[in-house]
Protein backbone atom coordinates (compact mmCIF):
# COMPACT_ATOMS: atom_id res chain seq x y z
CA UNK A 1 -172.62 -44.99 -132.84
CA UNK A 2 -172.43 -43.15 -136.17
CA UNK A 3 -175.54 -41.02 -136.60
CA UNK A 4 -177.60 -41.17 -139.78
CA UNK A 5 -176.68 -37.66 -140.93
CA UNK A 6 -172.94 -38.36 -140.84
CA UNK A 7 -173.44 -41.79 -142.44
CA UNK A 8 -175.50 -40.35 -145.31
CA UNK A 9 -172.90 -37.69 -145.99
CA UNK A 10 -170.20 -40.35 -145.92
CA UNK A 11 -172.06 -42.51 -148.44
CA UNK A 12 -172.38 -39.58 -150.84
CA UNK A 13 -168.72 -38.61 -150.52
CA UNK A 14 -167.62 -42.24 -150.92
CA UNK A 15 -169.70 -42.77 -154.06
CA UNK A 16 -168.24 -39.62 -155.59
CA UNK A 17 -164.63 -40.57 -154.85
CA UNK A 18 -165.12 -44.21 -155.92
CA UNK A 19 -166.80 -43.34 -159.23
CA UNK A 20 -163.98 -41.01 -160.29
CA UNK A 21 -161.59 -43.29 -162.23
CA UNK A 22 -158.32 -43.50 -160.36
CA UNK A 23 -155.37 -45.89 -160.10
CA UNK A 24 -157.46 -48.78 -158.75
CA UNK A 25 -160.11 -48.60 -161.48
CA UNK A 26 -157.60 -48.18 -164.30
CA UNK A 27 -155.47 -51.00 -162.93
CA UNK A 28 -158.53 -53.26 -162.71
CA UNK A 29 -159.54 -52.40 -166.27
CA UNK A 30 -156.05 -53.18 -167.53
CA UNK A 31 -156.00 -56.54 -165.74
CA UNK A 32 -159.51 -57.37 -166.93
CA UNK A 33 -158.58 -56.65 -170.55
CA UNK A 34 -155.34 -58.60 -170.22
CA UNK A 35 -156.55 -61.68 -168.32
CA UNK A 36 -160.35 -61.74 -168.12
CA UNK A 37 -163.08 -61.48 -165.51
CA UNK A 38 -161.72 -63.90 -162.91
CA UNK A 39 -158.37 -62.09 -162.68
CA UNK A 40 -160.13 -58.70 -162.61
CA UNK A 41 -162.34 -59.72 -159.67
CA UNK A 42 -159.38 -61.20 -157.77
CA UNK A 43 -157.47 -57.99 -158.43
CA UNK A 44 -160.35 -55.98 -156.99
CA UNK A 45 -160.46 -58.28 -153.95
CA UNK A 46 -156.78 -57.67 -153.27
CA UNK A 47 -157.20 -53.97 -153.92
CA UNK A 48 -160.11 -53.73 -151.49
CA UNK A 49 -158.12 -55.52 -148.80
CA UNK A 50 -155.28 -53.04 -149.36
CA UNK A 51 -157.76 -50.18 -149.12
CA UNK A 52 -159.12 -51.61 -145.88
CA UNK A 53 -155.62 -51.85 -144.41
CA UNK A 54 -154.94 -48.25 -145.42
CA UNK A 55 -158.12 -47.12 -143.67
CA UNK A 56 -157.10 -49.04 -140.55
CA UNK A 57 -153.72 -47.31 -140.57
CA UNK A 58 -155.47 -43.94 -140.66
CA UNK A 59 -157.91 -45.05 -137.95
CA UNK A 60 -155.06 -46.06 -135.66
CA UNK A 61 -153.52 -42.62 -135.70
CA UNK A 62 -151.44 -42.07 -138.82
CA UNK A 63 -154.01 -39.79 -140.44
CA UNK A 64 -152.35 -36.56 -139.24
CA UNK A 65 -148.94 -37.80 -140.38
CA UNK A 66 -150.25 -38.68 -143.83
CA UNK A 67 -152.08 -35.40 -144.28
CA UNK A 68 -149.38 -33.09 -142.90
CA UNK A 69 -146.12 -34.79 -143.89
CA UNK A 70 -145.43 -33.93 -147.51
CA UNK A 71 -142.37 -36.20 -147.58
CA UNK A 72 -144.24 -39.25 -146.29
CA UNK A 73 -147.05 -38.72 -148.80
CA UNK A 74 -144.58 -38.34 -151.68
CA UNK A 75 -142.70 -41.49 -150.68
CA UNK A 76 -145.90 -43.56 -150.75
CA UNK A 77 -146.98 -42.11 -154.09
CA UNK A 78 -143.57 -42.74 -155.63
CA UNK A 79 -143.66 -46.33 -154.38
CA UNK A 80 -147.12 -46.81 -155.88
CA UNK A 81 -146.10 -45.26 -159.21
CA UNK A 82 -142.97 -47.42 -159.44
CA UNK A 83 -144.93 -50.58 -158.68
CA UNK A 84 -147.50 -49.85 -161.38
CA UNK A 85 -144.69 -49.06 -163.81
CA UNK A 86 -143.03 -52.38 -162.98
CA UNK A 87 -146.27 -54.32 -163.58
CA UNK A 88 -146.88 -52.50 -166.86
CA UNK A 89 -143.37 -53.16 -168.18
CA UNK A 90 -143.62 -56.81 -167.13
CA UNK A 91 -146.93 -57.16 -168.99
CA UNK A 92 -145.42 -55.64 -172.13
CA UNK A 93 -142.28 -57.77 -171.97
CA UNK A 94 -144.21 -61.03 -171.68
CA UNK A 95 -147.26 -60.18 -173.79
CA UNK A 96 -146.46 -62.75 -176.51
CA UNK A 97 -145.84 -65.61 -174.06
CA UNK A 98 -149.01 -64.76 -172.13
CA UNK A 99 -151.11 -64.58 -175.28
CA UNK A 100 -149.82 -67.95 -176.49
CA UNK A 101 -150.46 -69.54 -173.11
CA UNK A 102 -154.02 -68.19 -172.96
CA UNK A 103 -154.88 -69.53 -176.41
CA UNK A 104 -153.53 -72.95 -175.43
CA UNK A 105 -154.67 -73.30 -171.84
CA UNK A 106 -156.60 -70.82 -169.70
CA UNK A 107 -155.17 -72.31 -166.50
CA UNK A 108 -151.78 -70.75 -167.19
CA UNK A 109 -152.96 -67.37 -165.95
CA UNK A 110 -151.13 -66.00 -162.87
CA UNK A 111 -151.70 -67.81 -159.55
CA UNK A 112 -154.60 -66.46 -157.51
CA UNK A 113 -152.38 -65.57 -154.59
CA UNK A 114 -150.12 -63.49 -156.83
CA UNK A 115 -153.09 -61.68 -158.40
CA UNK A 116 -154.56 -60.81 -155.01
CA UNK A 117 -151.15 -59.71 -153.68
CA UNK A 118 -150.56 -57.38 -156.64
CA UNK A 119 -154.01 -55.85 -156.22
CA UNK A 120 -153.35 -55.48 -152.49
CA UNK A 121 -150.12 -53.55 -153.08
CA UNK A 122 -151.83 -51.20 -155.54
CA UNK A 123 -154.63 -50.64 -153.02
CA UNK A 124 -152.25 -49.84 -150.16
CA UNK A 125 -150.24 -47.42 -152.32
CA UNK A 126 -153.25 -45.74 -153.96
CA UNK A 127 -152.73 -41.98 -153.48
CA UNK A 128 -156.42 -41.21 -154.08
CA UNK A 129 -157.50 -43.43 -151.18
CA UNK A 130 -154.62 -42.12 -149.09
CA UNK A 131 -155.77 -38.54 -149.43
CA UNK A 132 -159.42 -39.46 -148.92
CA UNK A 133 -158.82 -41.42 -145.72
CA UNK A 134 -156.35 -39.00 -144.16
CA UNK A 135 -158.04 -35.73 -145.05
CA UNK A 136 -161.74 -36.58 -145.39
CA UNK A 137 -162.56 -39.48 -143.04
CA UNK A 138 -162.24 -37.44 -139.81
CA UNK A 139 -165.01 -35.08 -140.97
CA UNK A 140 -167.60 -37.88 -140.78
CA UNK A 141 -166.83 -38.90 -137.23
CA UNK A 142 -169.31 -38.00 -134.51
CA UNK A 143 -166.91 -37.01 -131.73
CA UNK A 144 -169.69 -36.50 -129.19
CA UNK A 145 -170.41 -40.24 -129.23
CA UNK A 146 -166.82 -41.27 -128.56
CA UNK A 147 -165.06 -44.41 -129.84
CA UNK A 148 -163.36 -42.38 -132.58
CA UNK A 149 -161.07 -45.20 -133.69
CA UNK A 150 -163.95 -47.67 -133.96
CA UNK A 151 -165.99 -45.18 -135.99
CA UNK A 152 -163.07 -44.75 -138.41
CA UNK A 153 -162.68 -48.52 -138.71
CA UNK A 154 -166.38 -48.90 -139.53
CA UNK A 155 -166.22 -46.15 -142.14
CA UNK A 156 -163.15 -47.77 -143.68
CA UNK A 157 -164.88 -51.15 -143.89
CA UNK A 158 -167.95 -49.59 -145.52
CA UNK A 159 -165.79 -47.74 -148.05
CA UNK A 160 -163.84 -50.91 -148.91
CA UNK A 161 -167.02 -52.92 -149.53
CA UNK A 162 -168.45 -50.16 -151.73
CA UNK A 163 -165.19 -49.96 -153.67
CA UNK A 164 -165.16 -53.74 -154.17
CA UNK A 165 -168.58 -53.81 -155.82
CA UNK A 166 -167.95 -50.68 -157.90
CA UNK A 167 -164.48 -51.68 -159.13
CA UNK A 168 -165.63 -55.28 -159.52
CA UNK A 169 -168.29 -54.13 -161.96
CA UNK A 170 -165.64 -52.34 -164.02
CA UNK A 171 -163.53 -55.49 -163.95
CA UNK A 172 -166.39 -57.70 -165.13
CA UNK A 173 -167.10 -55.33 -168.01
CA UNK A 174 -163.44 -55.26 -169.05
CA UNK A 175 -163.14 -59.02 -168.71
CA UNK A 176 -166.24 -59.60 -170.81
CA UNK A 177 -164.89 -57.33 -173.54
CA UNK A 178 -161.61 -59.24 -173.42
CA UNK A 179 -163.38 -62.60 -173.85
CA UNK A 180 -165.31 -61.21 -176.79
CA UNK A 181 -162.12 -59.99 -178.48
CA UNK A 182 -159.78 -62.85 -177.63
CA UNK A 183 -160.39 -65.01 -180.67
CA UNK A 184 -156.73 -65.07 -181.68
CA UNK A 185 -153.27 -64.77 -180.18
CA UNK A 186 -152.67 -61.60 -182.19
CA UNK A 187 -155.65 -59.86 -180.66
CA UNK A 188 -154.62 -61.05 -177.20
CA UNK A 189 -151.18 -59.52 -177.75
CA UNK A 190 -152.88 -56.25 -178.67
CA UNK A 191 -155.06 -56.38 -175.57
CA UNK A 192 -152.10 -57.11 -173.32
CA UNK A 193 -150.15 -54.30 -174.93
CA UNK A 194 -153.01 -51.92 -174.18
CA UNK A 195 -153.27 -53.12 -170.58
CA UNK A 196 -149.52 -52.89 -170.02
CA UNK A 197 -149.37 -49.43 -171.59
CA UNK A 198 -152.21 -48.20 -169.38
CA UNK A 199 -150.39 -49.40 -166.26
CA UNK A 200 -147.13 -47.76 -167.41
CA UNK A 201 -148.90 -44.49 -168.18
CA UNK A 202 -150.70 -44.55 -164.85
CA UNK A 203 -147.44 -45.20 -163.00
CA UNK A 204 -145.73 -42.31 -164.81
CA UNK A 205 -148.63 -39.96 -164.06
CA UNK A 206 -148.51 -40.82 -160.35
CA UNK A 207 -144.73 -40.34 -160.27
CA UNK A 208 -145.01 -37.01 -162.07
CA UNK A 209 -147.75 -35.81 -159.73
CA UNK A 210 -145.77 -36.87 -156.65
CA UNK A 211 -142.53 -35.22 -157.76
CA UNK A 212 -143.95 -32.01 -159.18
CA UNK A 213 -147.09 -31.48 -157.09
């Protein structure tokens, strides 16, 4: 259905967009540093599911609206920036309690469902993926072969799987570094402060870009 030439071009474009650190990667790194490898991978899983849903939305016909409606795009970016800001502030507020809990019992990390849900929300509201799906995906569709929606769904699924493995690698690296450094509650507090600050900064950057771009 999708010819090899279009698929090869799509792979190249996807690798380039995935490897450029954006909200998803930075969020994963912050969670990996704060909680470890398991939380980082679960975050990536949720993020990839959110990315897949976003690609399905574009495939089902909202691509033109996303790419041509400035207001709609800004609203989504503002929502994503606010959510990241909320998560960052929450991490900073509770950094001491989290650090103490982790030194006493690893099982007190956030529930898996909550971790996946937070990653999912970040994935759905990721402006980088939003722009890529709405503005770039249509260029890799072979219109002469028909089934345009199905082609877009397939491309979205491929992109989500690629993003999972790429971002998951970043998360494992961050989680490993966290385990190496987490010998004391004080160092865990520092790591959580860094992770929370990164999320706050990322949220502010997205908000600034949405409101001034």
